[in-house]
Amino acid sequence: LLVGTLGIIFFAIFFREPPKVPTKGGKK
């Protein structure tokens, strides 16, 4: 269940932000 939740959260963040974001995300 934890993996599923983490996956959903990760997917949501990935969908909200561009797929090609820096490792540290200096554009924040």
C-alpha atoms as a PDB file:
ATOM      1  CA  LEU A   1       0.000   0.000   0.000  1.00  0.00           C
ATOM      2  CA  LEU A   2       2.844   2.350   0.864  1.00  0.00           C
ATOM      3  CA  VAL A   3       4.413   1.773  -2.533  1.00  0.00           C
ATOM      4  CA  GLY A   4       1.122   2.554  -4.241  1.00  0.00           C
ATOM      5  CA  THR A   5       0.639   5.764  -2.303  1.00  0.00           C
ATOM      6  CA  LEU A   6       4.208   6.840  -2.993  1.00  0.00           C
ATOM      7  CA  GLY A   7       3.730   6.070  -6.662  1.00  0.00           C
ATOM      8  CA  ILE A   8       0.540   8.133  -6.837  1.00  0.00           C
ATOM      9  CA  ILE A   9       2.199  11.078  -5.074  1.00  0.00           C
ATOM     10  CA  PHE A  10       5.244  10.831  -7.330  1.00  0.00           C
ATOM     11  CA  PHE A  11       3.003  10.656 -10.382  1.00  0.00           C
ATOM     12  CA  ALA A  12       1.034  13.706  -9.227  1.00  0.00           C
ATOM     13  CA  ILE A  13       4.209  15.734  -8.677  1.00  0.00           C
ATOM     14  CA  PHE A  14       5.626  14.547 -12.004  1.00  0.00           C
ATOM     15  CA  PHE A  15       2.395  15.504 -13.765  1.00  0.00           C
ATOM     16  CA  ARG A  16       2.224  18.916 -12.069  1.00  0.00           C
ATOM     17  CA  GLU A  17       5.835  19.822 -12.844  1.00  0.00           C
ATOM     18  CA  PRO A  18       7.625  19.345 -16.184  1.00  0.00           C
ATOM     19  CA  PRO A  19       9.139  15.880 -16.789  1.00  0.00           C
ATOM     20  CA  LYS A  20      12.567  17.392 -17.417  1.00  0.00           C
ATOM     21  CA  VAL A  21      13.243  19.180 -14.126  1.00  0.00           C
ATOM     22  CA  PRO A  22      16.713  19.571 -12.607  1.00  0.00           C
ATOM     23  CA  THR A  23      17.868  17.248  -9.820  1.00  0.00           C
ATOM     24  CA  LYS A  24      17.754  20.071  -7.305  1.00  0.00           C
ATOM     25  CA  GLY A  25      15.069  22.196  -9.007  1.00  0.00           C
ATOM     26  CA  GLY A  26      16.744  25.606  -9.046  1.00  0.00           C
ATOM     27  CA  LYS A  27      13.634  27.014 -10.776  1.00  0.00           C
ATOM     28  CA  LYS A  28      11.700  27.176  -7.504  1.00  0.00           C
END
